[in-house]
Amino acid sequence: MAEINKRQPADPSDKPVSLILDEVYSLFKIPSMAPEIAQLAPQYRSRKLQLYIVLQELEQMSEELRPHIWSLGNIVCFGISNFDEAYSIAQQLFKYDPKTIKLDSRSDTGQPVVEPDRGQYLQIANDLQRLAHRECIIRRYQSERVMEKDILWVKKTKDVSKAPSLISVSELKEKLLKDRGVRVEDALEVIRERTAAKAFGKTGNISPPQL
């Protein structure tokens, strides 16, 4: 993050950098980390930082962070076992269509019965629970401000050939933790100092945690 902070916004010579937050449940559960994570993507997008948050379920996030997760950008959703979470995701990703017909009119002069919002989201939630292995839906942005009109459906993710010379994911995680890992207590101390500096009108001098 220190290197990203040195970049000038919208510099075409900068290379994209991916920051992947995977299996950091203790970090997501800390209420004071919610604003830091929520602001990470908007603040650094112009510096070509690409933030990826990997979650097994929404419950892994604190209540403070959960409302912000939907505004971070692209969202990829695989099969959801928890129905309540599937229903919540359906509400966030899909817009209610008041013209969806539930029952056709029984006569030429009658009106069809439309599907209420709860009925539509129940159907979508059921579909999310039935997604097969490696099947997913994607909400994607065409640019920083323009979101694609439709939700994309991927029947099966691409096959990736595994090179024998590559280390395993667990080995890579262990190596990155040793090289760049920061104790949660240290990160929280930096956040407290930064918050105090803002409260007293101070600027600079406090560096963000080295994630």
Protein backbone atom coordinates (compact mmCIF):
# COMPACT_ATOMS: atom_id res chain seq x y z
CA MET A 1 0.00 0.00 0.00
CA ALA A 2 2.92 2.33 0.61
CA GLU A 3 3.89 2.03 -3.06
CA ILE A 4 0.30 2.66 -4.19
CA ASN A 5 0.19 5.82 -2.06
CA LYS A 6 3.16 7.20 -4.01
CA ARG A 7 1.23 7.06 -7.28
CA GLN A 8 -0.45 10.07 -8.85
CA PRO A 9 -4.14 9.59 -9.66
CA ALA A 10 -4.95 8.62 -13.28
CA ASP A 11 -1.31 8.09 -14.29
CA PRO A 12 -1.45 6.04 -17.54
CA SER A 13 2.04 4.64 -16.92
CA ASP A 14 0.98 2.83 -13.73
CA LYS A 15 0.42 -0.91 -13.89
CA PRO A 16 -2.73 -2.41 -12.30
CA VAL A 17 -2.18 -3.96 -8.87
CA SER A 18 -4.55 -6.58 -7.44
CA LEU A 19 -5.19 -6.73 -3.69
CA ILE A 20 -6.93 -9.97 -2.71
CA LEU A 21 -8.52 -10.28 0.74
CA ASP A 22 -9.22 -13.97 1.22
CA GLU A 23 -9.91 -15.85 4.45
CA VAL A 24 -9.39 -12.79 6.65
CA TYR A 25 -12.59 -13.28 8.63
CA SER A 26 -11.16 -11.74 11.81
CA LEU A 27 -10.41 -8.54 9.86
CA PHE A 28 -13.91 -8.32 8.35
CA LYS A 29 -15.48 -8.88 11.76
CA ILE A 30 -13.79 -5.85 13.36
CA PRO A 31 -16.30 -2.94 13.34
CA SER A 32 -13.60 -0.25 13.17
CA MET A 33 -12.20 -1.81 9.96
CA ALA A 34 -15.52 -1.36 8.11
CA PRO A 35 -14.93 2.25 6.94
CA GLU A 36 -11.32 1.48 6.01
CA ILE A 37 -12.28 -1.44 3.76
CA ALA A 38 -15.33 0.34 2.36
CA GLN A 39 -13.24 3.35 1.31
CA LEU A 40 -10.30 1.35 -0.03
CA ALA A 41 -11.68 0.74 -3.53
CA PRO A 42 -13.07 4.27 -4.19
CA GLN A 43 -9.94 6.00 -2.86
CA TYR A 44 -7.41 3.91 -4.77
CA ARG A 45 -9.28 3.04 -7.97
CA SER A 46 -7.71 6.02 -9.73
CA ARG A 47 -4.30 4.62 -8.76
CA LYS A 48 -5.18 1.32 -10.49
CA LEU A 49 -5.62 -0.71 -7.31
CA GLN A 50 -7.98 -3.63 -7.96
CA LEU A 51 -9.59 -4.87 -4.74
CA TYR A 52 -10.88 -8.45 -4.51
CA ILE A 53 -12.80 -9.60 -1.42
CA VAL A 54 -13.45 -13.35 -1.22
CA LEU A 55 -16.21 -14.52 1.14
CA GLN A 56 -17.84 -17.86 1.80
CA GLU A 57 -20.90 -16.16 3.32
CA LEU A 58 -22.09 -12.66 4.23
CA GLU A 59 -22.03 -13.59 7.90
CA GLN A 60 -18.24 -13.38 7.78
CA MET A 61 -18.51 -9.58 7.66
CA SER A 62 -19.33 -7.22 10.50
CA GLU A 63 -22.75 -5.57 10.46
CA GLU A 64 -21.00 -2.23 9.84
CA LEU A 65 -19.22 -3.49 6.71
CA ARG A 66 -22.09 -5.47 5.18
CA PRO A 67 -24.07 -2.49 3.75
CA HIS A 68 -20.94 -1.15 1.99
CA ILE A 69 -19.94 -4.37 0.23
CA TRP A 70 -22.47 -3.87 -2.59
CA SER A 71 -20.96 -0.56 -3.73
CA LEU A 72 -17.36 -1.76 -4.09
CA GLY A 73 -17.72 -2.76 -7.75
CA ASN A 74 -18.07 -6.05 -9.62
CA ILE A 75 -19.71 -8.92 -7.76
CA VAL A 76 -19.38 -12.62 -8.58
CA CYS A 77 -21.82 -14.94 -6.82
CA PHE A 78 -21.59 -18.73 -6.81
CA GLY A 79 -24.11 -21.12 -5.22
CA ILE A 80 -25.45 -20.01 -1.82
CA SER A 81 -26.51 -22.61 0.75
CA ASN A 82 -28.04 -20.13 3.23
CA PHE A 83 -31.47 -19.12 1.91
CA ASP A 84 -31.64 -15.83 3.88
CA GLU A 85 -28.32 -14.75 2.34
CA ALA A 86 -29.46 -15.87 -1.12
CA TYR A 87 -32.58 -13.71 -0.71
CA SER A 88 -30.48 -10.72 0.42
CA ILE A 89 -28.15 -11.10 -2.59
CA ALA A 90 -31.17 -11.33 -4.91
CA GLN A 91 -32.49 -8.02 -3.55
CA GLN A 92 -29.12 -6.32 -4.00
CA LEU A 93 -28.29 -7.56 -7.51
CA PHE A 94 -31.68 -7.62 -9.20
CA LYS A 95 -34.22 -4.84 -9.68
CA TYR A 96 -37.90 -5.55 -9.10
CA ASP A 97 -39.86 -5.70 -12.34
CA PRO A 98 -43.49 -4.66 -11.65
CA LYS A 99 -44.51 -5.92 -15.11
CA THR A 100 -43.68 -9.56 -14.43
CA ILE A 101 -46.90 -11.53 -14.87
CA LYS A 102 -47.73 -14.22 -12.33
CA LEU A 103 -51.10 -15.30 -13.81
CA ASP A 104 -52.61 -14.39 -17.17
CA SER A 105 -56.00 -12.74 -17.32
CA ARG A 106 -58.91 -15.18 -17.30
CA SER A 107 -60.95 -13.01 -19.66
CA ASP A 108 -60.47 -10.48 -22.45
CA THR A 109 -61.52 -7.65 -20.14
CA GLY A 110 -59.62 -8.78 -17.05
CA GLN A 111 -56.16 -7.80 -15.88
CA PRO A 112 -53.26 -10.23 -15.41
CA VAL A 113 -51.90 -10.82 -11.92
CA VAL A 114 -48.38 -9.45 -11.51
CA GLU A 115 -45.71 -11.05 -9.35
CA PRO A 116 -45.06 -9.02 -6.15
CA ASP A 117 -41.50 -8.11 -5.24
CA ARG A 118 -41.17 -10.80 -2.58
CA GLY A 119 -42.32 -13.46 -5.05
CA GLN A 120 -39.70 -12.41 -7.59
CA TYR A 121 -36.90 -12.37 -5.04
CA LEU A 122 -37.97 -15.75 -3.67
CA GLN A 123 -37.65 -17.23 -7.15
CA ILE A 124 -34.21 -15.67 -7.68
CA ALA A 125 -33.03 -16.81 -4.23
CA ASN A 126 -34.10 -20.36 -5.05
CA ASP A 127 -32.18 -20.17 -8.32
CA LEU A 128 -29.06 -18.95 -6.49
CA GLN A 129 -29.27 -21.95 -4.19
CA ARG A 130 -29.45 -24.28 -7.19
CA LEU A 131 -26.34 -22.98 -8.97
CA ALA A 132 -24.11 -25.89 -9.92
CA HIS A 133 -20.40 -26.23 -9.16
CA ARG A 134 -18.46 -23.45 -10.98
CA GLU A 135 -21.71 -21.86 -12.16
CA CYS A 136 -22.12 -18.21 -11.18
CA ILE A 137 -23.74 -14.84 -11.85
CA ILE A 138 -21.83 -11.58 -12.27
CA ARG A 139 -22.73 -7.95 -11.77
CA ARG A 140 -20.13 -6.08 -13.80
CA TYR A 141 -19.22 -2.47 -14.50
CA GLN A 142 -18.24 -1.40 -18.01
CA SER A 143 -16.37 1.55 -16.53
CA GLU A 144 -15.97 3.21 -13.15
CA ARG A 145 -19.42 4.81 -13.43
CA VAL A 146 -21.37 2.69 -15.91
CA MET A 147 -22.79 -0.66 -14.80
CA GLU A 148 -23.93 -3.23 -17.34
CA LYS A 149 -27.69 -3.33 -17.73
CA ASP A 150 -28.06 -7.08 -17.21
CA ILE A 151 -26.68 -9.57 -14.72
CA LEU A 152 -24.36 -12.02 -16.50
CA TRP A 153 -24.79 -15.77 -16.13
CA VAL A 154 -21.76 -18.04 -16.42
CA LYS A 155 -22.70 -21.69 -16.86
CA LYS A 156 -19.18 -22.85 -16.00
CA THR A 157 -15.99 -20.97 -15.19
CA LYS A 158 -13.00 -21.46 -17.48
CA ASP A 159 -10.65 -24.38 -17.02
CA VAL A 160 -7.16 -23.32 -16.01
CA SER A 161 -4.20 -25.58 -16.69
CA LYS A 162 -2.06 -26.13 -13.62
CA ALA A 163 1.66 -25.75 -14.27
CA PRO A 164 3.68 -28.22 -12.17
CA SER A 165 6.25 -25.54 -11.34
CA LEU A 166 3.70 -23.28 -9.61
CA ILE A 167 3.38 -23.42 -5.83
CA SER A 168 0.04 -24.25 -4.25
CA VAL A 169 -2.41 -21.59 -3.06
CA SER A 170 -1.77 -22.47 0.59
CA GLU A 171 2.01 -22.18 0.10
CA LEU A 172 1.59 -18.81 -1.63
CA LYS A 173 -0.64 -17.52 1.18
CA GLU A 174 1.89 -18.64 3.78
CA LYS A 175 4.72 -16.93 1.93
CA LEU A 176 2.79 -13.67 1.51
CA LEU A 177 1.80 -13.67 5.18
CA LYS A 178 5.44 -14.04 6.22
CA ASP A 179 6.66 -11.38 3.78
CA ARG A 180 3.89 -8.77 4.08
CA GLY A 181 1.59 -9.77 6.91
CA VAL A 182 0.60 -7.19 9.54
CA ARG A 183 -0.75 -7.97 13.00
CA VAL A 184 -4.37 -6.94 13.45
CA GLU A 185 -3.40 -5.06 16.63
CA ASP A 186 -0.82 -3.01 14.71
CA ALA A 187 -3.28 -2.17 11.94
CA LEU A 188 -5.90 -1.03 14.46
CA GLU A 189 -3.34 1.16 16.21
CA VAL A 190 -2.56 2.92 12.92
CA ILE A 191 -6.27 3.46 12.33
CA ARG A 192 -6.71 4.94 15.82
CA GLU A 193 -3.78 7.28 15.28
CA ARG A 194 -5.11 8.34 11.88
CA THR A 195 -8.57 9.01 13.33
CA ALA A 196 -7.06 11.04 16.15
CA ALA A 197 -4.97 13.06 13.68
CA LYS A 198 -8.07 13.93 11.65
CA ALA A 199 -9.93 14.93 14.80
CA PHE A 200 -7.19 17.40 15.74
CA GLY A 201 -6.76 18.73 12.19
CA LYS A 202 -3.39 17.11 11.55
CA THR A 203 -2.33 15.69 8.19
CA GLY A 204 0.39 13.37 6.88
CA ASN A 205 3.05 11.67 8.97
CA ILE A 206 0.86 8.62 9.61
CA SER A 207 1.36 5.82 7.14
CA PRO A 208 -1.37 3.26 6.40
CA PRO A 209 -0.82 -0.37 7.45
CA GLN A 210 1.39 -2.36 5.12
CA LEU A 211 -1.19 -4.88 3.90
